[in-house]
Amino acid sequence: MKGRLILAAAALLAVTSPAPVREGRPELAVMTWNTCAGTNSDCGLYRADAATLGETVARYATDRPIRPGVILLQEFCTGADDALRRALTARTGRSWSVRSWALPGADGAPYLCHPDRAGRPRGAASIVLAVADEPVTFQVFPLPSPPWYVGRAVLCATLPGRKVRVCGTHLSSGRADDDRQPGAPYRTRQVTELMAHAAVPGYRSVFGGDLNIAPPDSGDGTAAARRAIAPAYRAYQECDRRGTARTGQWTHRNQAGTKKLDYLFAPHGTRVRCDLAPLTPLSDHRPLYLRVSF
């Protein structure tokens, strides 16, 4: 009798105990876009009102094959932060945390976006990080920047639930009024510090944005600037890298032509998928998307 009870109990456990669940590799989807909203009159979002800015970003966050849970923006306007949060929540059905950092001008005052078409102020030109449905901590790290032009910084989001650190930035340009000295000294230091701020022990690092540097093997821009981004390619994998060549599809167009300036880097050994939206008159940059499986 006792033996039959033991067998019956074992049979019951075999039926009711859940089988081990084989979980897939954790994923993170990220989008970066220089919206060109603040001061460039050649772009369609120049002088767009806050609602239009928010709704436009939210549309790009939902209408592409990769739907991001983390969004990096450049040349946004701080006055549209709340509109961005509302538009993302309404369009995705998710809860979003939005943090921005306003670029300071050479005089230390906020580098203002031009007013919207109705003459209303839109705040300062900014970089933005938006994160969906995650406990998140934001941090800002100022970068060495030319004192004669706008300041630059890295904006990072730490996601403890995923053990992921995501950082976005908009680095100095190679224009004569920005990182104008031979050897791209500011961008070289900025890339080094960007990588340092993105790396946290025990966390996976994902970083990018408009780095204002062409890829090492592209032949675009200056050799010094291309060398500045090479350490990132050595330490990480860029989502749009093609084969062994350190290059990718162009992300920016102006009167001088096209080149890749926008990047999303993920750890080596991860699976990455990249998507690049077509160029529209809204901005001179194309939105870039990454899905990474850790």
Protein backbone atom coordinates (compact mmCIF):
# COMPACT_ATOMS: atom_id res chain seq x y z
CA MET A 1 0.00 0.00 0.00
CA LYS A 2 2.77 2.38 0.98
CA GLY A 3 4.60 1.65 -2.28
CA ARG A 4 1.45 2.40 -4.30
CA LEU A 5 1.04 5.77 -2.50
CA ILE A 6 4.63 6.74 -3.30
CA LEU A 7 4.12 5.84 -6.96
CA ALA A 8 0.87 7.81 -7.08
CA ALA A 9 2.53 10.86 -5.53
CA ALA A 10 5.38 10.62 -8.02
CA ALA A 11 2.91 10.43 -10.88
CA LEU A 12 1.06 13.50 -9.57
CA LEU A 13 4.30 15.48 -9.35
CA ALA A 14 5.16 14.51 -12.90
CA VAL A 15 1.85 15.92 -14.08
CA THR A 16 1.66 19.08 -11.99
CA SER A 17 5.30 20.23 -11.82
CA PRO A 18 6.07 22.72 -14.59
CA ALA A 19 8.65 21.71 -17.12
CA PRO A 20 11.80 23.84 -17.18
CA VAL A 21 11.29 26.95 -19.34
CA ARG A 22 14.06 27.68 -21.81
CA GLU A 23 14.12 31.45 -22.00
CA GLY A 24 15.29 33.26 -25.13
CA ARG A 25 18.18 35.65 -25.10
CA PRO A 26 17.14 39.00 -23.55
CA GLU A 27 16.68 41.72 -26.15
CA LEU A 28 16.80 45.48 -26.26
CA ALA A 29 15.61 47.69 -29.12
CA VAL A 30 17.10 51.18 -29.51
CA MET A 31 16.52 54.05 -31.92
CA THR A 32 18.69 57.13 -32.50
CA TRP A 33 17.70 60.15 -34.55
CA ASN A 34 19.00 63.67 -35.01
CA THR A 35 15.65 65.40 -35.48
CA CYS A 36 17.21 68.65 -36.80
CA ALA A 37 14.44 70.54 -35.02
CA GLY A 38 16.23 73.42 -33.38
CA THR A 39 18.11 75.86 -35.59
CA ASN A 40 18.53 74.44 -39.12
CA SER A 41 16.06 76.07 -41.50
CA ASP A 42 16.76 73.42 -44.16
CA CYS A 43 14.86 70.80 -42.13
CA GLY A 44 11.12 70.23 -42.03
CA LEU A 45 10.94 70.04 -38.22
CA TYR A 46 12.61 73.44 -37.86
CA ARG A 47 10.11 75.65 -35.99
CA ALA A 48 7.68 72.71 -35.61
CA ASP A 49 5.53 73.00 -32.49
CA ALA A 50 5.91 70.69 -29.49
CA ALA A 51 2.99 68.44 -30.40
CA THR A 52 4.33 67.91 -33.92
CA LEU A 53 7.80 67.07 -32.60
CA GLY A 54 6.43 64.54 -30.13
CA GLU A 55 4.06 62.92 -32.59
CA THR A 56 6.72 62.67 -35.29
CA VAL A 57 9.16 60.84 -33.02
CA ALA A 58 6.37 58.57 -31.74
CA ARG A 59 5.47 57.66 -35.30
CA TYR A 60 9.06 56.68 -36.08
CA ALA A 61 9.08 54.64 -32.87
CA THR A 62 6.17 52.51 -34.06
CA ASP A 63 6.18 52.42 -37.86
CA ARG A 64 9.47 50.61 -38.49
CA PRO A 65 10.28 46.87 -38.21
CA ILE A 66 12.22 47.51 -34.98
CA ARG A 67 10.09 49.17 -32.30
CA PRO A 68 12.41 50.72 -29.74
CA GLY A 69 12.09 50.65 -25.98
CA VAL A 70 14.93 53.16 -25.73
CA ILE A 71 15.16 56.31 -27.88
CA LEU A 72 18.13 58.63 -28.31
CA LEU A 73 17.47 62.05 -29.87
CA GLN A 74 19.68 64.93 -30.89
CA GLU A 75 18.80 68.50 -31.90
CA PHE A 76 15.47 68.16 -30.10
CA CYS A 77 13.96 71.01 -28.06
CA THR A 78 13.46 70.85 -24.28
CA GLY A 79 10.06 72.52 -24.57
CA ALA A 80 8.75 69.41 -26.32
CA ASP A 81 9.75 66.89 -23.63
CA ASP A 82 6.26 66.54 -22.16
CA ALA A 83 4.69 66.34 -25.62
CA LEU A 84 7.14 63.58 -26.51
CA ARG A 85 6.24 61.59 -23.40
CA ARG A 86 2.51 61.93 -24.06
CA ALA A 87 2.83 61.03 -27.74
CA LEU A 88 4.97 57.96 -27.04
CA THR A 89 2.56 56.77 -24.35
CA ALA A 90 -0.50 57.30 -26.54
CA ARG A 91 0.97 55.63 -29.60
CA THR A 92 2.73 52.69 -27.91
CA GLY A 93 0.51 52.05 -24.89
CA ARG A 94 3.65 52.00 -22.76
CA SER A 95 4.87 54.19 -19.90
CA TRP A 96 7.87 56.34 -20.85
CA SER A 97 10.50 58.16 -18.82
CA VAL A 98 12.02 61.10 -20.72
CA ARG A 99 15.15 62.99 -19.75
CA SER A 100 16.86 65.74 -21.73
CA TRP A 101 20.00 67.82 -21.43
CA ALA A 102 20.11 71.34 -22.85
CA LEU A 103 23.23 72.34 -24.76
CA PRO A 104 24.88 75.48 -23.36
CA GLY A 105 26.21 78.15 -25.70
CA ALA A 106 29.69 79.64 -25.50
CA ASP A 107 28.40 82.19 -22.97
CA GLY A 108 26.99 79.46 -20.73
CA ALA A 109 23.36 80.34 -21.46
CA PRO A 110 21.08 77.67 -22.99
CA TYR A 111 21.53 77.32 -26.75
CA LEU A 112 17.94 78.08 -27.70
CA CYS A 113 15.82 76.45 -30.38
CA HIS A 114 14.24 78.98 -32.69
CA PRO A 115 10.57 79.70 -31.84
CA ASP A 116 7.84 77.65 -33.48
CA ARG A 117 5.88 78.98 -36.44
CA ALA A 118 3.46 80.73 -34.09
CA GLY A 119 6.35 82.52 -32.37
CA ARG A 120 6.18 80.43 -29.19
CA PRO A 121 9.45 79.52 -27.42
CA ARG A 122 10.54 75.89 -27.64
CA GLY A 123 13.28 75.77 -25.02
CA ALA A 124 16.88 74.84 -25.72
CA ALA A 125 18.49 72.52 -28.24
CA SER A 126 18.99 69.21 -26.50
CA ILE A 127 19.91 65.57 -26.43
CA VAL A 128 17.20 63.22 -25.14
CA LEU A 129 16.91 59.73 -23.71
CA ALA A 130 13.47 58.09 -23.49
CA VAL A 131 12.98 54.69 -21.85
CA ALA A 132 9.79 52.59 -21.84
CA ASP A 133 8.44 50.44 -18.99
CA GLU A 134 11.71 50.24 -17.04
CA PRO A 135 12.98 51.40 -13.68
CA VAL A 136 15.72 53.74 -14.83
CA THR A 137 18.33 56.12 -13.49
CA PHE A 138 19.60 58.95 -15.68
CA GLN A 139 23.01 60.61 -15.49
CA VAL A 140 24.63 63.46 -17.41
CA PHE A 141 28.37 63.68 -18.00
CA PRO A 142 29.73 66.89 -19.58
CA LEU A 143 32.33 66.35 -22.29
CA PRO A 144 35.37 68.43 -23.18
CA SER A 145 34.07 70.90 -25.76
CA PRO A 146 35.42 73.89 -27.68
CA PRO A 147 34.88 76.99 -25.50
CA TRP A 148 33.95 79.03 -28.58
CA TYR A 149 30.88 76.91 -29.45
CA VAL A 150 28.19 74.82 -27.75
CA GLY A 151 28.92 72.41 -24.94
CA ARG A 152 28.50 68.66 -25.34
CA ALA A 153 27.60 65.87 -22.92
CA VAL A 154 26.78 62.18 -22.62
CA LEU A 155 23.31 61.29 -21.30
CA CYS A 156 23.13 57.76 -19.85
CA ALA A 157 20.28 55.55 -18.67
CA THR A 158 21.00 52.69 -16.29
CA LEU A 159 18.42 49.88 -16.48
CA PRO A 160 19.00 47.67 -13.42
CA GLY A 161 16.29 45.18 -14.38
CA ARG A 162 18.16 44.34 -17.57
CA LYS A 163 21.69 45.06 -16.37
CA VAL A 164 22.09 47.38 -19.35
CA ARG A 165 23.58 50.86 -19.59
CA VAL A 166 22.51 52.96 -22.62
CA CYS A 167 24.22 56.25 -23.42
CA GLY A 168 23.47 58.81 -26.12
CA THR A 169 25.28 61.91 -27.28
CA HIS A 170 25.77 64.50 -30.01
CA LEU A 171 29.48 65.15 -30.45
CA SER A 172 31.21 68.22 -31.78
CA SER A 173 31.30 68.62 -35.55
CA GLY A 174 34.25 69.19 -37.84
CA ARG A 175 32.97 72.60 -38.90
CA ALA A 176 35.24 75.61 -38.73
CA ASP A 177 33.23 77.05 -35.83
CA ASP A 178 33.32 73.84 -33.76
CA ASP A 179 36.10 71.23 -33.49
CA ARG A 180 38.21 73.28 -35.86
CA GLN A 181 41.72 72.42 -34.72
CA PRO A 182 43.90 69.94 -36.66
CA GLY A 183 43.63 66.37 -35.44
CA ALA A 184 39.99 66.53 -34.25
CA PRO A 185 41.18 66.87 -30.63
CA TYR A 186 37.79 67.40 -29.04
CA ARG A 187 36.03 64.57 -30.83
CA THR A 188 38.92 62.24 -30.05
CA ARG A 189 38.59 62.95 -26.33
CA GLN A 190 34.79 62.89 -26.52
CA VAL A 191 34.72 59.36 -27.98
CA THR A 192 37.10 58.14 -25.28
CA GLU A 193 34.95 59.62 -22.53
CA LEU A 194 31.72 58.40 -24.12
CA MET A 195 33.01 54.83 -23.99
CA ALA A 196 34.19 55.26 -20.41
CA HIS A 197 30.81 56.56 -19.24
CA ALA A 198 28.96 53.76 -21.06
CA ALA A 199 30.99 51.03 -19.33
CA VAL A 200 29.73 50.00 -15.88
CA PRO A 201 30.92 46.78 -14.17
CA GLY A 202 28.28 44.07 -14.36
CA TYR A 203 26.29 45.89 -17.06
CA ARG A 204 26.15 45.52 -20.83
CA SER A 205 26.84 48.74 -22.71
CA VAL A 206 24.91 50.15 -25.67
CA PHE A 207 25.73 53.65 -26.89
CA GLY A 208 25.51 55.92 -29.89
CA GLY A 209 23.90 58.99 -31.39
CA ASP A 210 25.13 61.58 -33.86
CA LEU A 211 28.89 61.30 -33.41
CA ASN A 212 29.75 63.72 -36.24
CA ILE A 213 32.51 61.36 -37.43
CA ALA A 214 32.64 59.18 -40.54
CA PRO A 215 33.53 55.47 -40.13
CA PRO A 216 37.23 54.47 -40.17
CA ASP A 217 37.15 52.76 -43.58
CA SER A 218 34.75 55.14 -45.31
CA GLY A 219 37.23 57.64 -46.72
CA ASP A 220 34.88 60.48 -45.70
CA GLY A 221 35.86 63.38 -43.51
CA THR A 222 39.36 63.76 -42.12
CA ALA A 223 41.72 60.92 -41.29
CA ALA A 224 42.05 62.25 -37.73
CA ALA A 225 38.29 62.13 -37.16
CA ARG A 226 38.09 58.62 -38.60
CA ARG A 227 40.83 57.53 -36.22
CA ALA A 228 38.83 58.99 -33.33
CA ILE A 229 36.00 56.48 -33.81
CA ALA A 230 38.26 53.47 -34.42
CA PRO A 231 38.51 52.53 -30.68
CA ALA A 232 34.74 52.09 -30.53
CA TYR A 233 34.90 49.63 -33.43
CA ARG A 234 37.66 47.68 -31.68
CA ALA A 235 35.80 47.41 -28.37
CA TYR A 236 32.22 47.03 -29.67
CA GLN A 237 30.25 46.10 -32.78
CA GLU A 238 28.34 48.76 -34.70
CA CYS A 239 24.93 47.64 -35.83
CA ASP A 240 25.29 48.60 -39.51
CA ARG A 241 28.83 47.38 -40.07
CA ARG A 242 29.08 45.37 -43.29
CA GLY A 243 31.48 42.43 -43.15
CA THR A 244 35.03 43.26 -42.15
CA ALA A 245 34.86 46.86 -43.40
CA ARG A 246 34.34 49.44 -40.68
CA THR A 247 31.69 51.40 -42.52
CA GLY A 248 27.93 51.38 -43.14
CA GLN A 249 25.08 53.04 -44.98
CA TRP A 250 24.92 56.83 -45.03
CA THR A 251 22.76 58.50 -42.38
CA HIS A 252 23.22 62.21 -43.17
CA ARG A 253 22.78 64.31 -46.28
CA ASN A 254 23.55 67.97 -46.97
CA GLN A 255 24.75 70.06 -49.88
CA ALA A 256 28.18 68.41 -49.70
CA GLY A 257 26.77 64.88 -50.12
CA THR A 258 26.07 61.90 -47.90
CA LYS A 259 27.99 60.13 -45.14
CA LYS A 260 27.46 57.99 -42.08
CA LEU A 261 27.49 60.09 -38.89
CA ASP A 262 25.00 58.18 -36.71
CA TYR A 263 25.91 55.04 -34.78
CA LEU A 264 24.63 52.40 -32.39
CA PHE A 265 27.24 50.20 -30.72
CA ALA A 266 26.61 46.96 -28.81
CA PRO A 267 28.94 44.44 -27.13
CA HIS A 268 30.90 41.98 -29.22
CA GLY A 269 29.36 38.52 -29.13
CA THR A 270 25.77 39.77 -29.16
CA ARG A 271 23.33 39.32 -32.01
CA VAL A 272 22.46 42.60 -33.64
CA ARG A 273 19.94 43.63 -36.24
CA CYS A 274 20.01 47.08 -37.82
CA ASP A 275 17.38 49.12 -39.63
CA LEU A 276 17.73 52.52 -41.29
CA ALA A 277 14.71 54.62 -42.22
CA PRO A 278 14.60 56.49 -45.54
CA LEU A 279 15.54 60.15 -45.57
CA THR A 280 12.61 62.57 -45.51
CA PRO A 281 12.46 66.40 -45.66
CA LEU A 282 11.81 66.40 -41.90
CA SER A 283 15.51 66.13 -41.01
CA ASP A 284 18.93 65.91 -42.62
CA HIS A 285 19.50 62.64 -40.71
CA ARG A 286 17.87 59.23 -41.05
CA PRO A 287 16.61 57.36 -37.95
CA LEU A 288 18.80 54.36 -37.10
CA TYR A 289 17.52 51.31 -35.19
CA LEU A 290 19.21 48.47 -33.33
CA ARG A 291 17.83 45.24 -31.91
CA VAL A 292 20.41 43.47 -29.79
CA SER A 293 20.10 39.99 -28.23
CA PHE A 294 22.49 39.59 -25.33
